[in-house]
């Protein structure tokens, strides 16, 4: 299975500044329990007080391995581990980051048809390794609920926090609400709003994306 996502994020911040990103992500699953990931931000705009910087953002390369397959009829959740390496690209250094992230993912579907999905994620992050002061360390945690309103429509809510700048999002605690709508077997749209609920987090963030997917061969 090959999946491509193209999206746009905008995060005006409480502290004078602005972060806008146009990004693309490619996911390829060569095996049922293995997914390979590649992410790229071909456009990034960062404004801090009187300074404005624009260019190509950080590259993200990694993948996800499913350790335990979820079983709807049992209480134990599905378990997976995801890894992301962040690599600088040939653009202005202020937009670049060099580091890595390891994520533990847990999820379980509830209901006769599995319409309600509860997702818990936690990660350890190493970032800013390109700076003279060296790497900084932090983490992210999130609790999300996804509900299938219809077969092709899903809404979701999430609370997440992080103490470093990651995934185009400034540090802070956020509440997120969004949707995904599938059109046919190979195309969908998603989007949502993020609201910062802590000091110095982005006041509000908007995201909108296009999702394309295709099964390349039968497993």
Protein backbone atom coordinates (compact mmCIF):
# COMPACT_ATOMS: atom_id res chain seq x y z
CA UNK A 1 0.00 0.00 0.00
CA UNK A 2 1.29 3.45 -0.97
CA UNK A 3 -0.20 6.56 0.65
CA UNK A 4 0.61 10.20 -0.05
CA UNK A 5 -0.49 13.15 2.09
CA UNK A 6 -0.17 16.83 1.17
CA UNK A 7 -1.09 19.44 3.74
CA UNK A 8 -0.75 22.96 5.10
CA UNK A 9 -0.31 24.10 8.73
CA UNK A 10 -0.55 27.61 10.13
CA UNK A 11 0.30 28.48 13.74
CA UNK A 12 0.12 32.13 14.84
CA UNK A 13 1.73 32.25 18.29
CA UNK A 14 0.97 34.12 21.51
CA UNK A 15 4.61 35.14 21.63
CA UNK A 16 5.19 37.43 18.58
CA UNK A 17 5.74 35.10 15.68
CA UNK A 18 4.17 32.86 13.09
CA UNK A 19 4.89 29.41 11.67
CA UNK A 20 3.43 28.24 8.36
CA UNK A 21 4.32 24.98 6.65
CA UNK A 22 3.37 23.27 3.41
CA UNK A 23 4.31 19.60 3.76
CA UNK A 24 4.16 16.26 1.99
CA UNK A 25 4.41 12.74 3.42
CA UNK A 26 4.84 9.37 1.71
CA UNK A 27 3.98 6.07 3.40
CA UNK A 28 4.70 2.64 1.91
CA UNK A 29 3.75 -0.65 3.57
CA UNK A 30 5.75 -3.50 1.97
CA UNK A 31 4.54 -5.93 4.67
CA UNK A 32 1.34 -6.10 6.74
CA UNK A 33 3.16 -5.01 9.92
CA UNK A 34 5.80 -2.71 8.45
CA UNK A 35 5.44 0.84 7.12
CA UNK A 36 8.19 3.06 5.72
CA UNK A 37 7.81 6.86 6.04
CA UNK A 38 9.26 9.88 4.28
CA UNK A 39 8.23 13.45 5.12
CA UNK A 40 9.31 16.76 3.60
CA UNK A 41 8.38 20.41 4.01
CA UNK A 42 9.05 22.09 0.64
CA UNK A 43 7.81 25.42 2.05
CA UNK A 44 8.30 26.83 5.54
CA UNK A 45 7.71 30.41 6.70
CA UNK A 46 8.87 31.42 10.17
CA UNK A 47 8.37 34.87 11.66
CA UNK A 48 9.87 35.89 14.99
CA UNK A 49 9.43 39.51 16.04
CA UNK A 50 11.16 41.47 13.22
CA UNK A 51 12.85 38.51 11.52
CA UNK A 52 11.21 36.54 8.69
CA UNK A 53 12.73 33.36 7.25
CA UNK A 54 11.41 31.19 4.45
CA UNK A 55 12.73 28.14 2.64
CA UNK A 56 12.76 24.35 2.62
CA UNK A 57 12.10 22.62 5.93
CA UNK A 58 13.46 19.51 7.63
CA UNK A 59 13.34 16.02 6.11
CA UNK A 60 11.82 13.18 8.15
CA UNK A 61 12.72 9.55 7.41
CA UNK A 62 11.60 6.52 9.41
CA UNK A 63 8.96 3.85 9.75
CA UNK A 64 6.54 1.97 11.98
CA UNK A 65 6.52 -1.66 13.13
CA UNK A 66 3.41 -3.32 14.55
CA UNK A 67 4.51 -5.45 17.51
CA UNK A 68 1.10 -6.74 18.60
CA UNK A 69 -1.92 -6.86 16.35
CA UNK A 70 -5.12 -5.52 17.85
CA UNK A 71 -7.98 -7.93 18.60
CA UNK A 72 -11.41 -6.30 18.92
CA UNK A 73 -12.63 -9.09 21.19
CA UNK A 74 -9.89 -8.64 23.81
CA UNK A 75 -9.07 -5.81 26.18
CA UNK A 76 -5.36 -5.63 25.33
CA UNK A 77 -4.57 -2.86 22.81
CA UNK A 78 -2.54 -3.04 19.63
CA UNK A 79 1.09 -1.99 20.11
CA UNK A 80 3.48 -0.41 17.63
CA UNK A 81 6.81 1.43 17.64
CA UNK A 82 7.59 4.29 15.27
CA UNK A 83 10.96 5.91 14.60
CA UNK A 84 11.71 9.21 12.84
CA UNK A 85 15.09 10.71 11.96
CA UNK A 86 15.13 14.44 11.20
CA UNK A 87 17.72 15.55 8.65
CA UNK A 88 18.58 19.08 7.46
CA UNK A 89 18.01 20.00 3.82
CA UNK A 90 19.81 22.59 1.69
CA UNK A 91 18.05 25.67 3.01
CA UNK A 92 18.56 28.38 5.64
CA UNK A 93 19.92 26.95 8.86
CA UNK A 94 17.27 28.59 11.05
CA UNK A 95 14.62 26.32 9.47
CA UNK A 96 16.60 23.12 9.89
CA UNK A 97 16.69 20.54 12.64
CA UNK A 98 18.83 17.48 13.17
CA UNK A 99 17.56 14.87 15.64
CA UNK A 100 15.39 11.80 16.08
CA UNK A 101 12.22 10.58 17.74
CA UNK A 102 11.01 7.22 19.07
CA UNK A 103 7.25 6.78 19.57
CA UNK A 104 5.24 4.13 21.39
CA UNK A 105 1.70 3.79 19.98
CA UNK A 106 -1.25 2.02 21.65
CA UNK A 107 -4.75 1.78 20.22
CA UNK A 108 -7.95 -0.21 20.65
CA UNK A 109 -11.30 -0.16 18.83
CA UNK A 110 -14.55 -0.44 20.78
CA UNK A 111 -18.07 -1.30 19.70
CA UNK A 112 -19.47 -4.15 17.62
CA UNK A 113 -18.07 -2.64 14.41
CA UNK A 114 -15.05 -0.97 16.00
CA UNK A 115 -16.41 2.52 15.35
CA UNK A 116 -14.73 4.07 18.40
CA UNK A 117 -10.92 4.06 18.46
CA UNK A 118 -8.93 5.15 21.53
CA UNK A 119 -5.27 6.03 20.81
CA UNK A 120 -2.48 6.75 23.31
CA UNK A 121 0.98 7.86 22.12
CA UNK A 122 4.17 8.78 23.92
CA UNK A 123 7.58 9.69 22.52
CA UNK A 124 11.14 10.62 23.39
CA UNK A 125 12.60 13.38 21.22
CA UNK A 126 16.18 14.44 20.51
CA UNK A 127 16.38 17.73 18.62
CA UNK A 128 18.52 20.79 17.80
CA UNK A 129 21.65 18.66 17.37
CA UNK A 130 22.83 21.07 14.66
CA UNK A 131 23.39 23.86 17.23
CA UNK A 132 26.68 24.67 18.94
CA UNK A 133 25.18 23.98 22.36
CA UNK A 134 24.34 20.43 21.27
CA UNK A 135 21.22 18.27 21.39
CA UNK A 136 18.20 18.96 23.54
CA UNK A 137 15.82 16.28 24.80
CA UNK A 138 12.11 16.25 25.39
CA UNK A 139 8.93 14.32 24.80
CA UNK A 140 5.37 14.29 23.56
CA UNK A 141 2.24 12.63 24.93
CA UNK A 142 -1.24 12.44 23.43
CA UNK A 143 -4.66 10.92 24.01
CA UNK A 144 -6.96 10.79 20.99
CA UNK A 145 -10.44 9.45 20.24
CA UNK A 146 -11.60 8.69 16.71
CA UNK A 147 -15.23 7.91 15.84
CA UNK A 148 -16.66 6.67 12.54
CA UNK A 149 -19.84 8.70 12.03
CA UNK A 150 -20.34 6.88 8.73
CA UNK A 151 -18.31 4.31 6.84
CA UNK A 152 -16.41 7.03 4.97
CA UNK A 153 -16.48 9.83 7.57
CA UNK A 154 -14.45 9.97 10.77
CA UNK A 155 -14.20 12.70 13.41
CA UNK A 156 -11.55 12.84 16.10
CA UNK A 157 -10.48 14.76 19.17
CA UNK A 158 -7.07 14.88 20.79
CA UNK A 159 -5.26 16.38 23.77
CA UNK A 160 -1.50 16.49 23.44
CA UNK A 161 1.49 18.21 24.98
CA UNK A 162 5.14 18.65 24.10
CA UNK A 163 8.09 20.56 25.52
CA UNK A 164 9.94 20.99 22.23
CA UNK A 165 9.12 22.19 18.73
CA UNK A 166 8.10 19.13 16.75
CA UNK A 167 5.88 18.23 13.80
CA UNK A 168 5.55 21.91 12.78
CA UNK A 169 4.01 22.68 16.19
CA UNK A 170 5.52 25.07 18.78
CA UNK A 171 5.96 23.70 22.34
CA UNK A 172 2.90 23.69 24.58
CA UNK A 173 -0.33 21.88 25.41
CA UNK A 174 -3.04 21.67 22.76
CA UNK A 175 -6.61 20.53 22.17
CA UNK A 176 -7.32 19.33 18.64
CA UNK A 177 -10.53 18.57 16.76
CA UNK A 178 -10.65 17.29 13.20
CA UNK A 179 -12.24 15.10 10.55
CA UNK A 180 -11.41 12.73 7.72
CA UNK A 181 -13.67 12.15 4.72
CA UNK A 182 -12.95 9.41 2.21
CA UNK A 183 -14.05 9.66 -1.42
CA UNK A 184 -13.74 6.31 -3.18
CA UNK A 185 -10.89 3.90 -2.51
CA UNK A 186 -7.98 6.19 -3.30
CA UNK A 187 -8.74 9.75 -2.16
CA UNK A 188 -9.72 11.61 0.99
CA UNK A 189 -9.49 14.98 2.73
CA UNK A 190 -8.77 15.80 6.35
CA UNK A 191 -8.44 18.91 8.45
CA UNK A 192 -8.93 20.42 11.85
CA UNK A 193 -8.11 23.11 14.40
CA UNK A 194 -5.61 23.09 17.27
CA UNK A 195 -6.09 25.39 20.25
CA UNK A 196 -3.21 26.19 22.60
CA UNK A 197 -4.18 25.97 26.28
CA UNK A 198 -0.79 26.76 27.86
CA UNK A 199 1.45 29.82 28.00
CA UNK A 200 3.58 30.46 24.89
CA UNK A 201 1.79 27.80 22.83
CA UNK A 202 0.30 28.73 19.47
CA UNK A 203 -3.05 30.43 20.05
CA UNK A 204 -4.79 28.50 17.29
CA UNK A 205 -3.56 26.30 14.47
CA UNK A 206 -5.33 25.21 11.30
CA UNK A 207 -4.46 22.22 9.16
CA UNK A 208 -5.88 20.91 5.89
CA UNK A 209 -4.68 17.93 3.89
CA UNK A 210 -5.27 15.73 0.86
CA UNK A 211 -4.73 11.97 1.18
CA UNK A 212 -4.08 9.66 -1.78
CA UNK A 213 -3.69 5.90 -1.43
CA UNK A 214 -3.35 2.88 -3.68
CA UNK A 215 -2.90 -0.83 -3.15
CA UNK A 216 0.04 -1.82 -5.35
CA UNK A 217 -0.29 -5.57 -4.87
CA UNK A 218 -2.34 -8.09 -2.94
CA UNK A 219 -0.80 -9.53 0.21
